[in-house]
N, C-alpha and C. Protein backbone atom coordinates (compact mmCIF):
# COMPACT_ATOMS: atom_id res chain seq x y z
N UNK A 1 57.40 2.27 28.89
CA UNK A 1 58.31 2.72 27.16
C UNK A 1 57.55 1.98 25.67
N UNK A 2 56.78 0.77 26.31
CA UNK A 2 55.61 0.37 25.08
C UNK A 2 54.53 1.15 25.74
N UNK A 3 54.34 1.27 26.75
CA UNK A 3 53.03 2.21 27.07
C UNK A 3 52.84 3.48 26.45
N UNK A 4 54.27 4.16 26.49
CA UNK A 4 54.44 5.14 25.94
C UNK A 4 54.43 5.83 24.33
N UNK A 5 54.72 4.21 23.88
CA UNK A 5 54.59 4.31 22.09
C UNK A 5 53.12 3.74 21.89
N UNK A 6 52.04 3.46 22.88
CA UNK A 6 51.48 2.96 23.05
C UNK A 6 50.69 4.13 22.51
N UNK A 7 51.01 5.38 23.57
CA UNK A 7 50.17 6.66 23.67
C UNK A 7 50.20 7.44 22.40
N UNK A 8 51.83 7.14 21.71
CA UNK A 8 51.54 8.19 20.73
C UNK A 8 51.10 7.37 19.64
N UNK A 9 50.60 6.52 19.13
CA UNK A 9 49.61 6.18 18.79
C UNK A 9 48.35 6.78 18.31
N UNK A 10 47.63 6.14 17.74
CA UNK A 10 46.41 6.72 18.13
C UNK A 10 45.43 7.72 19.06
N UNK A 11 45.46 6.98 20.10
CA UNK A 11 44.93 7.46 21.30
C UNK A 11 46.11 7.99 21.78
N UNK A 12 47.36 7.99 21.41
CA UNK A 12 48.19 9.17 22.31
C UNK A 12 47.44 10.56 21.35
N UNK A 13 47.03 10.66 20.05
CA UNK A 13 47.69 11.66 19.35
C UNK A 13 46.41 12.64 19.66
N UNK A 14 45.21 12.10 20.09
CA UNK A 14 43.65 12.47 20.64
C UNK A 14 43.63 12.53 22.05
N UNK A 15 44.52 12.23 22.79
CA UNK A 15 44.98 12.55 23.94
C UNK A 15 46.32 14.09 23.71
N UNK A 16 46.58 14.01 23.14
CA UNK A 16 47.92 15.35 22.71
C UNK A 16 46.75 16.97 21.50
N UNK A 17 46.15 16.20 21.30
CA UNK A 17 45.26 17.15 21.35
C UNK A 17 44.38 17.89 22.14
N UNK A 18 43.54 16.93 22.55
CA UNK A 18 42.94 17.43 24.12
C UNK A 18 43.84 17.94 25.30
N UNK A 19 44.97 18.03 25.36
CA UNK A 19 45.64 18.54 26.26
C UNK A 19 46.81 19.61 25.61
N UNK A 20 46.61 19.39 24.10
CA UNK A 20 47.46 20.69 23.32
C UNK A 20 48.94 20.66 22.98
N UNK A 21 49.75 19.15 23.10
CA UNK A 21 50.61 18.80 22.89
C UNK A 21 50.82 19.24 21.04
N UNK A 22 51.86 19.82 21.19
CA UNK A 22 51.80 20.28 19.61
C UNK A 22 52.75 19.30 18.73
N UNK A 23 53.79 18.40 19.66
CA UNK A 23 53.71 17.20 19.25
C UNK A 23 52.80 15.87 18.78
N UNK A 24 52.33 15.62 19.07
CA UNK A 24 51.41 14.61 18.71
C UNK A 24 50.65 15.40 17.97
N UNK A 25 49.78 16.65 17.91
CA UNK A 25 48.76 17.03 16.91
C UNK A 25 49.64 17.96 16.15
N UNK A 26 49.44 17.22 14.94
CA UNK A 26 49.98 17.63 13.81
C UNK A 26 48.78 18.20 12.85
N UNK A 27 48.56 19.43 12.13
CA UNK A 27 48.03 19.33 11.39
C UNK A 27 47.61 18.20 10.74
N UNK A 28 47.96 17.24 9.98
CA UNK A 28 48.25 16.25 9.00
C UNK A 28 47.28 15.41 10.23
N UNK A 29 47.16 14.89 11.04
CA UNK A 29 46.22 14.11 11.79
C UNK A 29 44.49 15.06 12.58
N UNK A 30 45.25 16.51 12.45
CA UNK A 30 44.45 16.64 13.15
C UNK A 30 43.22 16.36 12.18
N UNK A 31 43.09 17.06 10.55
CA UNK A 31 42.66 16.45 9.70
C UNK A 31 42.09 15.43 9.65
N UNK A 32 43.01 14.28 10.01
CA UNK A 32 42.55 12.59 9.85
C UNK A 32 40.90 12.59 10.45
N UNK A 33 41.40 13.20 11.80
CA UNK A 33 40.17 13.36 13.07
C UNK A 33 39.02 13.86 12.58
N UNK A 34 39.16 15.04 11.69
CA UNK A 34 37.97 15.67 11.83
C UNK A 34 37.54 15.32 10.39
N UNK A 35 38.19 13.85 9.13
CA UNK A 35 37.71 13.12 8.40
C UNK A 35 36.26 12.21 9.17
N UNK A 36 37.62 11.83 10.27
CA UNK A 36 36.26 10.58 10.99
C UNK A 36 35.60 11.08 11.53
N UNK A 37 35.57 12.00 12.19
CA UNK A 37 34.32 12.70 13.46
C UNK A 37 32.94 13.22 12.01
N UNK A 38 33.37 13.81 10.90
CA UNK A 38 31.93 13.51 9.98
C UNK A 38 31.38 12.75 9.55
N UNK A 39 32.64 11.38 9.10
CA UNK A 39 32.17 10.44 8.77
C UNK A 39 31.04 9.94 10.07
N UNK A 40 31.76 9.46 11.41
CA UNK A 40 30.64 9.05 12.26
C UNK A 40 29.76 10.01 12.53
N UNK A 41 29.49 10.83 12.46
CA UNK A 41 28.01 11.74 12.47
C UNK A 41 27.37 11.54 11.82
N UNK A 42 27.61 11.43 9.88
CA UNK A 42 26.67 10.72 9.14
C UNK A 42 26.42 9.54 9.55
N UNK A 43 27.31 8.58 9.67
CA UNK A 43 26.53 7.41 10.03
C UNK A 43 25.79 7.14 11.11
N UNK A 44 25.61 7.92 12.13
CA UNK A 44 25.11 8.13 12.97
C UNK A 44 23.90 8.33 13.14
N UNK A 45 24.32 9.73 11.56
CA UNK A 45 22.12 10.06 11.88
C UNK A 45 21.67 9.20 10.59
N UNK A 46 22.84 8.65 9.53
CA UNK A 46 21.58 7.95 8.71
C UNK A 46 20.80 6.68 9.47
N UNK A 47 21.78 6.27 10.75
CA UNK A 47 21.10 4.73 11.01
C UNK A 47 19.61 5.07 12.09
N UNK A 48 20.11 6.14 12.43
CA UNK A 48 18.77 6.68 13.19
C UNK A 48 17.47 7.16 12.00
N UNK A 49 17.69 7.24 10.48
CA UNK A 49 15.91 7.10 10.03
C UNK A 49 14.92 6.17 10.72
N UNK A 50 14.12 6.95 9.69
CA UNK A 50 12.92 6.18 10.88
C UNK A 50 12.65 5.69 9.66
N UNK A 51 12.12 4.48 9.69
CA UNK A 51 11.30 3.01 8.75
C UNK A 51 10.23 3.43 8.39
N UNK A 52 9.64 3.11 7.54
CA UNK A 52 8.47 4.05 6.42
C UNK A 52 7.04 2.70 6.81
N UNK A 53 6.25 2.61 7.40
CA UNK A 53 5.64 1.54 7.45
C UNK A 53 4.70 1.12 6.54
N UNK A 54 4.47 -0.01 6.05
CA UNK A 54 4.59 -0.77 5.36
C UNK A 54 2.53 -0.53 4.87
N UNK A 55 2.08 -0.72 3.63
CA UNK A 55 0.78 -0.23 3.18
C UNK A 55 0.79 -1.49 2.24
N UNK A 56 -0.83 -2.29 3.12
CA UNK A 56 -1.12 -3.24 2.11
C UNK A 56 -2.44 -3.63 1.68
N UNK A 57 -2.65 -4.08 0.71
CA UNK A 57 -4.55 -4.70 0.68
C UNK A 57 -5.05 -5.39 1.17
N UNK A 58 -4.36 -6.11 1.57
CA UNK A 58 -5.26 -7.50 2.27
C UNK A 58 -4.75 -6.97 3.71
N UNK A 59 -5.60 -7.33 4.85
CA UNK A 59 -5.30 -7.73 6.17
C UNK A 59 -4.34 -8.80 6.24
N UNK A 60 -3.36 -8.38 6.80
CA UNK A 60 -1.69 -9.79 7.20
C UNK A 60 -2.74 -10.34 8.15
N UNK A 61 -2.35 -11.61 8.06
CA UNK A 61 -2.77 -12.62 8.65
C UNK A 61 -3.01 -12.71 11.06
N UNK A 62 -4.21 -12.26 10.68
CA UNK A 62 -4.66 -12.37 12.32
C UNK A 62 -4.98 -10.82 12.75
N UNK A 63 -4.94 -10.00 11.72
CA UNK A 63 -5.46 -8.50 11.59
C UNK A 63 -6.82 -8.47 11.05
N UNK A 64 -7.41 -6.92 11.92
CA UNK A 64 -9.02 -6.99 11.55
C UNK A 64 -8.71 -5.49 10.63
N UNK A 65 -9.63 -4.74 9.87
CA UNK A 65 -9.17 -3.37 9.91
C UNK A 65 -9.88 -2.67 10.14
N UNK A 66 -9.24 -1.49 11.21
CA UNK A 66 -10.34 -0.32 11.56
C UNK A 66 -9.61 0.55 11.31
N UNK A 67 -10.76 1.64 11.56
CA UNK A 67 -10.43 3.09 10.88
C UNK A 67 -10.54 4.27 12.47
N UNK A 68 -9.92 5.16 12.39
CA UNK A 68 -9.02 5.57 13.60
C UNK A 68 -9.64 7.09 13.72
N UNK A 69 -10.75 7.30 14.80
CA UNK A 69 -11.74 7.70 15.20
C UNK A 69 -11.19 9.17 16.14
N UNK A 70 -11.28 10.50 16.75
CA UNK A 70 -10.52 11.27 17.57
C UNK A 70 -12.45 11.51 18.64
N UNK A 71 -11.92 11.17 19.63
CA UNK A 71 -12.66 11.59 20.66
C UNK A 71 -12.36 12.37 21.51
N UNK A 72 -11.19 13.10 20.94
CA UNK A 72 -10.54 13.74 22.03
C UNK A 72 -11.32 14.85 22.84
N UNK A 73 -13.47 15.52 21.92
CA UNK A 73 -13.60 15.91 22.84
C UNK A 73 -14.26 15.55 23.39
N UNK A 74 -13.91 14.23 24.10
CA UNK A 74 -14.82 13.44 24.98
C UNK A 74 -13.81 13.89 26.34
N UNK A 75 -13.97 13.32 27.98
CA UNK A 75 -13.63 13.57 28.70
C UNK A 75 -12.31 12.46 28.97
N UNK A 76 -11.07 12.68 28.46
CA UNK A 76 -10.61 11.42 28.85
C UNK A 76 -10.41 10.71 28.12
N UNK A 77 -10.84 11.05 26.14
CA UNK A 77 -10.77 10.09 26.02
C UNK A 77 -9.66 10.61 24.66
N UNK A 78 -9.28 9.60 23.74
CA UNK A 78 -7.79 10.18 22.32
C UNK A 78 -8.44 9.74 21.36
N UNK A 79 -7.74 8.44 20.86
CA UNK A 79 -8.04 8.40 19.73
C UNK A 79 -8.96 7.09 19.82
N UNK A 80 -9.28 6.06 19.37
CA UNK A 80 -10.68 5.16 19.27
C UNK A 80 -10.41 4.72 17.96
N UNK A 81 -10.62 3.46 17.52
CA UNK A 81 -10.48 2.50 17.03
C UNK A 81 -11.69 1.88 17.16
N UNK A 82 -12.18 1.96 15.61
CA UNK A 82 -13.55 1.35 15.08
C UNK A 82 -13.43 -0.05 13.84
N UNK A 83 -14.03 -0.74 14.48
CA UNK A 83 -14.02 -2.24 14.12
C UNK A 83 -15.01 -1.64 13.00
N UNK A 84 -14.89 -2.94 11.90
CA UNK A 84 -16.06 -2.70 10.53
C UNK A 84 -17.23 -2.92 11.07
N UNK A 85 -17.42 -4.39 12.42
CA UNK A 85 -19.13 -3.85 13.12
C UNK A 85 -19.71 -2.64 13.70
N UNK A 86 -18.03 -2.26 13.78
CA UNK A 86 -18.99 -0.87 14.58
C UNK A 86 -18.82 -0.69 16.01
N UNK A 87 -18.02 -1.83 17.15
CA UNK A 87 -17.37 -1.90 17.80
C UNK A 87 -15.89 -0.97 17.83
N UNK A 88 -15.82 -0.18 18.88
CA UNK A 88 -15.14 0.57 19.71
C UNK A 88 -13.59 0.02 20.92
N UNK A 89 -12.41 -0.20 20.44
CA UNK A 89 -11.12 -0.37 20.89
C UNK A 89 -10.89 1.30 21.55
N UNK A 90 -10.11 0.83 22.62
CA UNK A 90 -9.51 1.58 22.84
C UNK A 90 -7.53 1.68 23.09
N UNK A 91 -7.42 1.76 22.30
CA UNK A 91 -5.75 1.28 21.67
C UNK A 91 -4.41 1.62 23.39
N UNK A 92 -4.01 1.05 23.97
CA UNK A 92 -3.06 1.31 24.81
C UNK A 92 -1.24 2.05 24.17
N UNK A 93 -1.32 1.78 23.31
CA UNK A 93 -0.47 1.68 22.91
C UNK A 93 -0.15 2.47 21.46
N UNK A 94 -1.07 2.85 20.62
CA UNK A 94 -1.51 4.16 19.11
C UNK A 94 -0.30 5.04 19.60
N UNK A 95 0.56 4.51 18.49
CA UNK A 95 1.77 5.39 17.67
C UNK A 95 1.09 6.78 17.88
N UNK A 96 1.95 7.64 17.26
CA UNK A 96 1.96 9.39 17.40
C UNK A 96 1.95 9.21 15.75
N UNK A 97 2.47 8.34 14.67
CA UNK A 97 2.07 8.82 13.13
C UNK A 97 1.20 8.09 13.25
N UNK A 98 -0.01 7.41 13.61
CA UNK A 98 -1.28 6.38 13.35
C UNK A 98 -2.58 7.57 13.72
N UNK A 99 -2.25 9.14 14.83
CA UNK A 99 -3.11 9.24 15.57
C UNK A 99 -3.89 10.37 14.53
N UNK A 100 -4.35 9.78 13.53
CA UNK A 100 -5.24 10.46 12.33
C UNK A 100 -6.67 10.23 12.49
N UNK A 101 -7.47 11.14 12.85
CA UNK A 101 -9.04 11.24 12.32
C UNK A 101 -8.94 10.96 11.07
N UNK A 102 -9.93 9.35 10.63
CA UNK A 102 -10.53 9.13 9.55
C UNK A 102 -8.89 7.96 8.76
N UNK A 103 -7.83 7.88 9.55
CA UNK A 103 -6.95 6.64 8.75
C UNK A 103 -7.42 5.33 8.90
N UNK A 104 -7.66 4.53 7.42
CA UNK A 104 -6.94 3.07 7.94
C UNK A 104 -6.15 2.45 8.20
N UNK A 105 -6.34 1.56 9.10
CA UNK A 105 -5.52 0.87 9.25
C UNK A 105 -5.90 -1.01 9.88
N UNK A 106 -4.53 -1.51 9.55
CA UNK A 106 -5.00 -3.03 9.99
C UNK A 106 -4.74 -3.53 10.92
N UNK A 107 -5.03 -4.03 12.58
CA UNK A 107 -4.15 -4.39 12.94
C UNK A 107 -3.99 -5.33 13.85
N UNK A 108 -3.34 -6.18 15.01
CA UNK A 108 -3.75 -7.17 15.52
C UNK A 108 -3.40 -6.92 17.00
N UNK A 109 -4.34 -7.28 18.10
CA UNK A 109 -4.32 -6.31 19.21
C UNK A 109 -4.17 -7.59 20.37
N UNK A 110 -4.36 -7.46 21.70
CA UNK A 110 -5.08 -8.50 22.68
C UNK A 110 -5.91 -7.44 23.59
N UNK A 111 -6.22 -7.83 24.19
CA UNK A 111 -7.03 -7.25 25.19
C UNK A 111 -6.80 -7.14 26.52
N UNK A 112 -6.73 -5.67 27.24
CA UNK A 112 -5.85 -5.26 28.07
C UNK A 112 -7.35 -5.72 29.14
N UNK A 113 -6.71 -5.91 30.88
CA UNK A 113 -7.03 -6.06 31.64
C UNK A 113 -6.92 -4.22 32.22
N UNK A 114 -7.60 -3.64 32.48
CA UNK A 114 -7.91 -2.04 33.48
C UNK A 114 -8.85 -1.24 32.83
N UNK A 115 -8.64 -0.64 32.89
CA UNK A 115 -10.62 0.80 32.58
C UNK A 115 -9.91 1.63 32.41
N UNK A 116 -10.58 2.66 31.74
CA UNK A 116 -9.77 3.98 31.94
C UNK A 116 -11.02 4.93 31.87
N UNK A 117 -10.70 6.23 32.38
CA UNK A 117 -11.93 7.83 32.26
C UNK A 117 -12.59 7.83 31.00
N UNK A 118 -12.39 7.14 29.65
CA UNK A 118 -13.26 7.84 28.56
C UNK A 118 -13.92 6.34 28.83
N UNK A 119 -14.10 5.27 28.60
CA UNK A 119 -14.84 4.15 28.85
C UNK A 119 -15.77 4.01 27.35
N UNK A 120 -15.10 4.18 26.36
CA UNK A 120 -15.85 4.78 24.53
C UNK A 120 -15.45 3.36 24.25
N UNK A 121 -14.93 2.06 24.59
CA UNK A 121 -14.71 0.83 23.82
C UNK A 121 -13.95 0.20 25.04
N UNK A 122 -13.76 -1.13 24.80
CA UNK A 122 -12.17 -2.33 24.79
C UNK A 122 -11.35 -1.32 24.72
N UNK A 123 -10.75 -2.04 25.96
CA UNK A 123 -9.23 -1.07 26.02
C UNK A 123 -7.85 -3.09 25.25
N UNK A 124 -7.47 -2.12 24.78
CA UNK A 124 -6.63 -2.99 23.79
C UNK A 124 -5.14 -2.77 23.77
N UNK A 125 -3.79 -3.61 24.12
CA UNK A 125 -3.09 -3.50 23.79
C UNK A 125 -2.43 -3.37 21.67
N UNK A 126 -2.19 -3.12 21.16
CA UNK A 126 -1.86 -3.18 19.57
C UNK A 126 -0.92 -4.06 19.47
N UNK A 127 -0.40 -4.85 19.24
CA UNK A 127 0.77 -6.04 18.51
C UNK A 127 1.37 -5.76 17.55
N UNK A 128 0.34 -4.99 16.45
CA UNK A 128 0.93 -4.97 14.64
C UNK A 128 -0.47 -4.26 14.87
N UNK A 129 0.66 -3.14 13.56
CA UNK A 129 0.17 -1.97 13.09
C UNK A 129 0.52 -1.88 11.14
N UNK A 130 -0.59 -2.34 10.42
CA UNK A 130 -0.30 -1.50 9.28
C UNK A 130 -1.26 -1.07 9.15
N UNK A 131 -0.65 0.03 7.78
CA UNK A 131 -1.25 1.38 6.92
C UNK A 131 -2.58 0.59 6.23
N UNK A 132 -3.54 0.47 5.78
CA UNK A 132 -4.70 0.04 4.53
C UNK A 132 -3.88 0.86 3.65
N UNK A 133 -4.49 0.17 2.17
CA UNK A 133 -4.11 0.92 0.99
C UNK A 133 -5.49 2.26 0.87
N UNK A 134 -4.53 3.88 0.71
CA UNK A 134 -5.95 4.18 0.05
C UNK A 134 -6.98 3.34 -0.75
N UNK A 135 -8.22 3.85 -0.48
CA UNK A 135 -9.45 4.11 -0.85
C UNK A 135 -10.06 1.80 -0.08
N UNK A 136 -9.40 1.39 0.39
CA UNK A 136 -9.97 0.24 1.09
C UNK A 136 -10.60 0.26 2.34
C-alpha cells in the first residue's frame, strides 16, 4: 500500500503519463510537467554558455606575447605562434577561437617532447591563453 501511494505521487504521475493512465495524468499535472520541462531546458542551455576570454593590457605573470601566424600553406602545418624575438612555437592544443591570422595573445607554455611534420618551431603545450588588448 505504501509503495502504491508513492507511485501516485510525482513519480506515479510521470508513470501515468508514460503509460497513458487517465487517473494519474490530469491536465493540471500535465501543465506542471510542461512548465518544469521548459524550465529545466532553459537552465541546461543557459549553463552551457561559452565564457568570454578576457583581454588584458599587460601580460599575466609568466606569460609571453605572441602573434598567431597561419602556416597552413606548408605541408603538415596549421597555426604557429611567433614570439617577439622571431622564434616560432607549434602549439599542440590551440583552441579554435584563437586560430586567426594576426591575432595577438599572451600565452604560458611548456615545451613538449616530440616532433611533427611541420617542423616550423618548437612544439609546446599551452597552459594559459589570454587575448591581448587591440593595438598592443
